[in-house]
PDB file of N, CA and C in Angstrom:
ATOM      1  N   GLU A   1      47.855  21.641 -91.367  1.00  0.00           N
ATOM      2  CA  GLU A   1      47.504  20.555 -92.243  1.00  0.00           C
ATOM      3  C   GLU A   1      47.250  19.254 -91.501  1.00  0.00           C
ATOM      4  N   ASP A   2      47.987  19.020 -90.443  1.00  0.00           N
ATOM      5  CA  ASP A   2      47.864  17.758 -89.707  1.00  0.00           C
ATOM      6  C   ASP A   2      46.797  17.789 -88.624  1.00  0.00           C
ATOM      7  N   THR A   3      46.190  18.928 -88.394  1.00  0.00           N
ATOM      8  CA  THR A   3      45.239  19.049 -87.288  1.00  0.00           C
ATOM      9  C   THR A   3      44.155  17.977 -87.300  1.00  0.00           C
ATOM     10  N   PRO A   4      43.511  17.680 -88.433  1.00  0.00           N
ATOM     11  CA  PRO A   4      42.487  16.622 -88.394  1.00  0.00           C
ATOM     12  C   PRO A   4      43.046  15.259 -87.988  1.00  0.00           C
ATOM     13  N   LEU A   5      44.331  15.051 -88.256  1.00  0.00           N
ATOM     14  CA  LEU A   5      44.946  13.762 -87.932  1.00  0.00           C
ATOM     15  C   LEU A   5      45.345  13.653 -86.466  1.00  0.00           C
ATOM     16  N   ILE A   6      45.666  14.782 -85.849  1.00  0.00           N
ATOM     17  CA  ILE A   6      46.150  14.742 -84.459  1.00  0.00           C
ATOM     18  C   ILE A   6      45.152  15.324 -83.463  1.00  0.00           C
ATOM     19  N   TRP A   7      43.973  15.707 -83.933  1.00  0.00           N
ATOM     20  CA  TRP A   7      42.992  16.359 -83.062  1.00  0.00           C
ATOM     21  C   TRP A   7      42.664  15.519 -81.825  1.00  0.00           C
ATOM     22  N   ALA A   8      42.491  14.223 -81.991  1.00  0.00           N
ATOM     23  CA  ALA A   8      42.187  13.357 -80.844  1.00  0.00           C
ATOM     24  C   ALA A   8      43.330  13.380 -79.838  1.00  0.00           C
ATOM     25  N   GLN A   9      44.572  13.388 -80.320  1.00  0.00           N
ATOM     26  CA  GLN A   9      45.722  13.450 -79.419  1.00  0.00           C
ATOM     27  C   GLN A   9      45.733  14.764 -78.649  1.00  0.00           C
ATOM     28  N   VAL A  10      45.406  15.849 -79.321  1.00  0.00           N
ATOM     29  CA  VAL A  10      45.353  17.160 -78.665  1.00  0.00           C
ATOM     30  C   VAL A  10      44.293  17.143 -77.568  1.00  0.00           C
ATOM     31  N   LEU A  11      43.100  16.650 -77.902  1.00  0.00           N
ATOM     32  CA  LEU A  11      42.019  16.588 -76.913  1.00  0.00           C
ATOM     33  C   LEU A  11      42.395  15.699 -75.731  1.00  0.00           C
ATOM     34  N   ARG A  12      43.013  14.562 -76.007  1.00  0.00           N
ATOM     35  CA  ARG A  12      43.413  13.648 -74.928  1.00  0.00           C
ATOM     36  C   ARG A  12      44.480  14.276 -74.037  1.00  0.00           C
ATOM     37  N   ALA A  13      45.421  14.978 -74.631  1.00  0.00           N
ATOM     38  CA  ALA A  13      46.467  15.636 -73.846  1.00  0.00           C
ATOM     39  C   ALA A  13      45.862  16.706 -72.942  1.00  0.00           C
ATOM     40  N   MET A  14      44.909  17.454 -73.464  1.00  0.00           N
ATOM     41  CA  MET A  14      44.266  18.501 -72.664  1.00  0.00           C
ATOM     42  C   MET A  14      43.401  17.903 -71.561  1.00  0.00           C
ATOM     43  N   ALA A  15      42.750  16.774 -71.857  1.00  0.00           N
ATOM     44  CA  ALA A  15      41.855  16.145 -70.877  1.00  0.00           C
ATOM     45  C   ALA A  15      42.588  15.201 -69.936  1.00  0.00           C
ATOM     46  N   GLY A  16      43.802  14.820 -70.302  1.00  0.00           N
ATOM     47  CA  GLY A  16      44.564  13.898 -69.462  1.00  0.00           C
ATOM     48  C   GLY A  16      44.031  12.479 -69.498  1.00  0.00           C
ATOM     49  N   THR A  17      43.518  12.051 -70.657  1.00  0.00           N
ATOM     50  CA  THR A  17      42.981  10.694 -70.793  1.00  0.00           C
ATOM     51  C   THR A  17      43.811   9.897 -71.794  1.00  0.00           C
ATOM     52  N   ASP A  18      43.622   8.588 -71.783  1.00  0.00           N
ATOM     53  CA  ASP A  18      44.293   7.760 -72.779  1.00  0.00           C
ATOM     54  C   ASP A  18      43.302   7.366 -73.869  1.00  0.00           C
ATOM     55  N   GLU A  19      43.771   6.612 -74.859  1.00  0.00           N
ATOM     56  CA  GLU A  19      42.918   6.319 -76.011  1.00  0.00           C
ATOM     57  C   GLU A  19      41.794   5.336 -75.730  1.00  0.00           C
ATOM     58  N   SER A  20      41.748   4.785 -74.532  1.00  0.00           N
ATOM     59  CA  SER A  20      40.643   3.880 -74.197  1.00  0.00           C
ATOM     60  C   SER A  20      39.358   4.645 -73.868  1.00  0.00           C
ATOM     61  N   VAL A  21      39.479   5.950 -73.641  1.00  0.00           N
ATOM     62  CA  VAL A  21      38.324   6.785 -73.303  1.00  0.00           C
ATOM     63  C   VAL A  21      37.762   7.397 -74.586  1.00  0.00           C
ATOM     64  N   PRO A  22      36.490   7.130 -74.914  1.00  0.00           N
ATOM     65  CA  PRO A  22      35.894   7.725 -76.113  1.00  0.00           C
ATOM     66  C   PRO A  22      35.821   9.248 -75.991  1.00  0.00           C
ATOM     67  N   LEU A  23      36.017   9.937 -77.095  1.00  0.00           N
ATOM     68  CA  LEU A  23      35.987  11.400 -77.094  1.00  0.00           C
ATOM     69  C   LEU A  23      34.847  11.928 -77.953  1.00  0.00           C
ATOM     70  N   ALA A  24      34.062  12.826 -77.385  1.00  0.00           N
ATOM     71  CA  ALA A  24      33.080  13.547 -78.188  1.00  0.00           C
ATOM     72  C   ALA A  24      33.837  14.624 -78.957  1.00  0.00           C
ATOM     73  N   GLY A  25      33.543  14.794 -80.208  1.00  0.00           N
ATOM     74  CA  GLY A  25      34.199  15.820 -81.004  1.00  0.00           C
ATOM     75  C   GLY A  25      35.524  15.406 -81.600  1.00  0.00           C
ATOM     76  N   GLU A  26      35.829  14.140 -81.491  1.00  0.00           N
ATOM     77  CA  GLU A  26      37.107  13.627 -81.991  1.00  0.00           C
ATOM     78  C   GLU A  26      37.293  13.911 -83.488  1.00  0.00           C
ATOM     79  N   PHE A  27      36.202  13.900 -84.227  1.00  0.00           N
ATOM     80  CA  PHE A  27      36.273  14.114 -85.672  1.00  0.00           C
ATOM     81  C   PHE A  27      35.543  15.392 -86.086  1.00  0.00           C
ATOM     82  N   ALA A  28      35.448  16.350 -85.185  1.00  0.00           N
ATOM     83  CA  ALA A  28      34.662  17.562 -85.407  1.00  0.00           C
ATOM     84  C   ALA A  28      35.157  18.408 -86.579  1.00  0.00           C
ATOM     85  N   LEU A  29      36.416  18.316 -86.912  1.00  0.00           N
ATOM     86  CA  LEU A  29      36.957  19.139 -87.994  1.00  0.00           C
ATOM     87  C   LEU A  29      36.667  18.575 -89.383  1.00  0.00           C
ATOM     88  N   LEU A  30      36.369  17.306 -89.462  1.00  0.00           N
ATOM     89  CA  LEU A  30      36.242  16.652 -90.767  1.00  0.00           C
ATOM     90  C   LEU A  30      35.111  17.182 -91.646  1.00  0.00           C
ATOM     91  N   PRO A  31      33.926  17.493 -91.108  1.00  0.00           N
ATOM     92  CA  PRO A  31      32.863  17.989 -91.998  1.00  0.00           C
ATOM     93  C   PRO A  31      33.234  19.287 -92.712  1.00  0.00           C
ATOM     94  N   GLU A  32      34.169  20.040 -92.148  1.00  0.00           N
ATOM     95  CA  GLU A  32      34.581  21.308 -92.750  1.00  0.00           C
ATOM     96  C   GLU A  32      35.466  21.108 -93.981  1.00  0.00           C
ATOM     97  N   ILE A  33      36.146  19.969 -94.065  1.00  0.00           N
ATOM     98  CA  ILE A  33      37.122  19.780 -95.139  1.00  0.00           C
ATOM     99  C   ILE A  33      36.819  18.575 -96.030  1.00  0.00           C
ATOM    100  N   MET A  34      35.760  17.866 -95.720  1.00  0.00           N
ATOM    101  CA  MET A  34      35.412  16.658 -96.464  1.00  0.00           C
ATOM    102  C   MET A  34      34.049  16.870 -97.125  1.00  0.00           C
ATOM    103  N   THR A  35      33.832  16.233 -98.271  1.00  0.00           N
ATOM    104  CA  THR A  35      32.515  16.332 -98.902  1.00  0.00           C
ATOM    105  C   THR A  35      31.456  15.725 -97.974  1.00  0.00           C
ATOM    106  N   LYS A  36      30.223  16.163 -98.167  1.00  0.00           N
ATOM    107  CA  LYS A  36      29.139  15.640 -97.333  1.00  0.00           C
ATOM    108  C   LYS A  36      29.013  14.127 -97.488  1.00  0.00           C
ATOM    109  N   ALA A  37      29.050  13.650 -98.722  1.00  0.00           N
ATOM    110  CA  ALA A  37      28.946  12.204 -98.967  1.00  0.00           C
ATOM    111  C   ALA A  37      30.125  11.466 -98.341  1.00  0.00           C
ATOM    112  N   GLY A  38      31.309  12.040 -98.454  1.00  0.00           N
ATOM    113  CA  GLY A  38      32.492  11.421 -97.865  1.00  0.00           C
ATOM    114  C   GLY A  38      32.403  11.354 -96.357  1.00  0.00           C
ATOM    115  N   HIS A  39      31.903  12.429 -95.752  1.00  0.00           N
ATOM    116  CA  HIS A  39      31.773  12.439 -94.295  1.00  0.00           C
ATOM    117  C   HIS A  39      30.743  11.417 -93.832  1.00  0.00           C
ATOM    118  N   GLN A  40      29.660  11.290 -94.560  1.00  0.00           N
ATOM    119  CA  GLN A  40      28.654  10.280 -94.212  1.00  0.00           C
ATOM    120  C   GLN A  40      29.247   8.876 -94.291  1.00  0.00           C
ATOM    121  N   ARG A  41      30.019   8.611 -95.331  1.00  0.00           N
ATOM    122  CA  ARG A  41      30.660   7.296 -95.469  1.00  0.00           C
ATOM    123  C   ARG A  41      31.681   7.076 -94.357  1.00  0.00           C
ATOM    124  N   PHE A  42      32.430   8.124 -94.028  1.00  0.00           N
ATOM    125  CA  PHE A  42      33.408   8.032 -92.945  1.00  0.00           C
ATOM    126  C   PHE A  42      32.719   7.690 -91.627  1.00  0.00           C
ATOM    127  N   THR A  43      31.647   8.412 -91.319  1.00  0.00           N
ATOM    128  CA  THR A  43      30.920   8.181 -90.067  1.00  0.00           C
ATOM    129  C   THR A  43      30.391   6.753 -90.000  1.00  0.00           C
ATOM    130  N   THR A  44      29.821   6.274 -91.083  1.00  0.00           N
ATOM    131  CA  THR A  44      29.330   4.894 -91.129  1.00  0.00           C
ATOM    132  C   THR A  44      30.471   3.912 -90.899  1.00  0.00           C
ATOM    133  N   TYR A  45      31.593   4.152 -91.539  1.00  0.00           N
ATOM    134  CA  TYR A  45      32.756   3.263 -91.418  1.00  0.00           C
ATOM    135  C   TYR A  45      33.266   3.237 -89.978  1.00  0.00           C
ATOM    136  N   ILE A  46      33.474   4.400 -89.398  1.00  0.00           N
ATOM    137  CA  ILE A  46      34.006   4.486 -88.028  1.00  0.00           C
ATOM    138  C   ILE A  46      33.025   3.884 -87.025  1.00  0.00           C
ATOM    139  N   ASP A  47      31.741   4.191 -87.171  1.00  0.00           N
ATOM    140  CA  ASP A  47      30.737   3.676 -86.231  1.00  0.00           C
ATOM    141  C   ASP A  47      30.636   2.156 -86.265  1.00  0.00           C
ATOM    142  N   SER A  48      30.970   1.561 -87.402  1.00  0.00           N
ATOM    143  CA  SER A  48      30.873   0.106 -87.520  1.00  0.00           C
ATOM    144  C   SER A  48      32.134  -0.607 -87.031  1.00  0.00           C
ATOM    145  N   ARG A  49      33.114   0.163 -86.579  1.00  0.00           N
ATOM    146  CA  ARG A  49      34.377  -0.418 -86.115  1.00  0.00           C
ATOM    147  C   ARG A  49      34.789   0.148 -84.763  1.00  0.00           C
ATOM    148  N   PRO A  50      34.042  -0.168 -83.712  1.00  0.00           N
ATOM    149  CA  PRO A  50      34.438   0.321 -82.384  1.00  0.00           C
ATOM    150  C   PRO A  50      35.752  -0.330 -81.961  1.00  0.00           C
ATOM    151  N   GLY A  51      36.485   0.367 -81.144  1.00  0.00           N
ATOM    152  CA  GLY A  51      37.719  -0.202 -80.610  1.00  0.00           C
ATOM    153  C   GLY A  51      38.959   0.064 -81.439  1.00  0.00           C
ATOM    154  N   LEU A  52      38.850   0.879 -82.495  1.00  0.00           N
ATOM    155  CA  LEU A  52      40.044   1.220 -83.257  1.00  0.00           C
ATOM    156  C   LEU A  52      40.994   2.035 -82.385  1.00  0.00           C
ATOM    157  N   THR A  53      42.270   1.804 -82.533  1.00  0.00           N
ATOM    158  CA  THR A  53      43.257   2.609 -81.807  1.00  0.00           C
ATOM    159  C   THR A  53      43.359   3.976 -82.473  1.00  0.00           C
ATOM    160  N   ASP A  54      44.006   4.914 -81.794  1.00  0.00           N
ATOM    161  CA  ASP A  54      44.194   6.235 -82.393  1.00  0.00           C
ATOM    162  C   ASP A  54      44.999   6.136 -83.687  1.00  0.00           C
ATOM    163  N   ALA A  55      45.990   5.272 -83.721  1.00  0.00           N
ATOM    164  CA  ALA A  55      46.795   5.103 -84.938  1.00  0.00           C
ATOM    165  C   ALA A  55      45.935   4.576 -86.088  1.00  0.00           C
ATOM    166  N   GLN A  56      45.071   3.629 -85.800  1.00  0.00           N
ATOM    167  CA  GLN A  56      44.179   3.098 -86.833  1.00  0.00           C
ATOM    168  C   GLN A  56      43.207   4.174 -87.310  1.00  0.00           C
ATOM    169  N   LYS A  57      42.684   4.957 -86.381  1.00  0.00           N
ATOM    170  CA  LYS A  57      41.770   6.041 -86.753  1.00  0.00           C
ATOM    171  C   LYS A  57      42.475   7.056 -87.647  1.00  0.00           C
ATOM    172  N   ARG A  58      43.736   7.379 -87.344  1.00  0.00           N
ATOM    173  CA  ARG A  58      44.488   8.311 -88.177  1.00  0.00           C
ATOM    174  C   ARG A  58      44.632   7.773 -89.603  1.00  0.00           C
ATOM    175  N   ARG A  59      44.889   6.480 -89.734  1.00  0.00           N
ATOM    176  CA  ARG A  59      45.004   5.889 -91.073  1.00  0.00           C
ATOM    177  C   ARG A  59      43.670   5.968 -91.820  1.00  0.00           C
ATOM    178  N   VAL A  60      42.573   5.727 -91.101  1.00  0.00           N
ATOM    179  CA  VAL A  60      41.245   5.817 -91.722  1.00  0.00           C
ATOM    180  C   VAL A  60      40.963   7.257 -92.150  1.00  0.00           C
ATOM    181  N   VAL A  61      41.223   8.213 -91.265  1.00  0.00           N
ATOM    182  CA  VAL A  61      41.006   9.623 -91.595  1.00  0.00           C
ATOM    183  C   VAL A  61      41.832  10.002 -92.821  1.00  0.00           C
ATOM    184  N   THR A  62      43.089   9.599 -92.847  1.00  0.00           N
ATOM    185  CA  THR A  62      43.960   9.905 -93.984  1.00  0.00           C
ATOM    186  C   THR A  62      43.383   9.353 -95.279  1.00  0.00           C
ATOM    187  N   ALA A  63      42.932   8.121 -95.250  1.00  0.00           N
ATOM    188  CA  ALA A  63      42.367   7.500 -96.452  1.00  0.00           C
ATOM    189  C   ALA A  63      41.119   8.239 -96.925  1.00  0.00           C
ATOM    190  N   PHE A  64      40.242   8.597 -95.996  1.00  0.00           N
ATOM    191  CA  PHE A  64      39.015   9.294 -96.383  1.00  0.00           C
ATOM    192  C   PHE A  64      39.307  10.713 -96.860  1.00  0.00           C
ATOM    193  N   LEU A  65      40.272  11.390 -96.241  1.00  0.00           N
ATOM    194  CA  LEU A  65      40.628  12.728 -96.706  1.00  0.00           C
ATOM    195  C   LEU A  65      41.246  12.672 -98.099  1.00  0.00           C
ATOM    196  N   ASP A  66      42.070  11.674 -98.346  1.00  0.00           N
ATOM    197  CA  ASP A  66      42.662  11.531 -99.677  1.00  0.00           C
ATOM    198  C   ASP A  66      41.586  11.389-100.751  1.00  0.00           C
ATOM    199  N   LYS A  67      40.523  10.721-100.404  1.00  0.00           N
ATOM    200  CA  LYS A  67      39.471  10.461-101.391  1.00  0.00           C
ATOM    201  C   LYS A  67      38.377  11.535-101.421  1.00  0.00           C
ATOM    202  N   PHE A  68      38.045  12.125-100.272  1.00  0.00           N
ATOM    203  CA  PHE A  68      36.855  12.979-100.187  1.00  0.00           C
ATOM    204  C   PHE A  68      37.111  14.428 -99.771  1.00  0.00           C
ATOM    205  N   ALA A  69      38.344  14.856 -99.643  1.00  0.00           N
ATOM    206  CA  ALA A  69      38.603  16.250 -99.236  1.00  0.00           C
ATOM    207  C   ALA A  69      38.749  17.146-100.447  1.00  0.00           C
TER     208      ALA A  69
END
C-alpha cells in the first residue's frame, strides 16, 4: 500500500543518492492507480514546483491519491 509513497526512497537507497538528485521514474507507479485526469493534474502540479523535498512530494502524492485513486 505504501509503495507509491516510498518509491523514491527505495530508488535512492538502491542508487546511493540523496534527495537533491532528480530521479527518472520517481512517480512511475502512479498512472497504474490514479485516474488519467488525476495523473495529468498531478504531473502539472509537480512540474510547476521544482525543488520539493521527498517529504513534500509524499504529501502531494498522498493528497492526489486520496482524490484521484
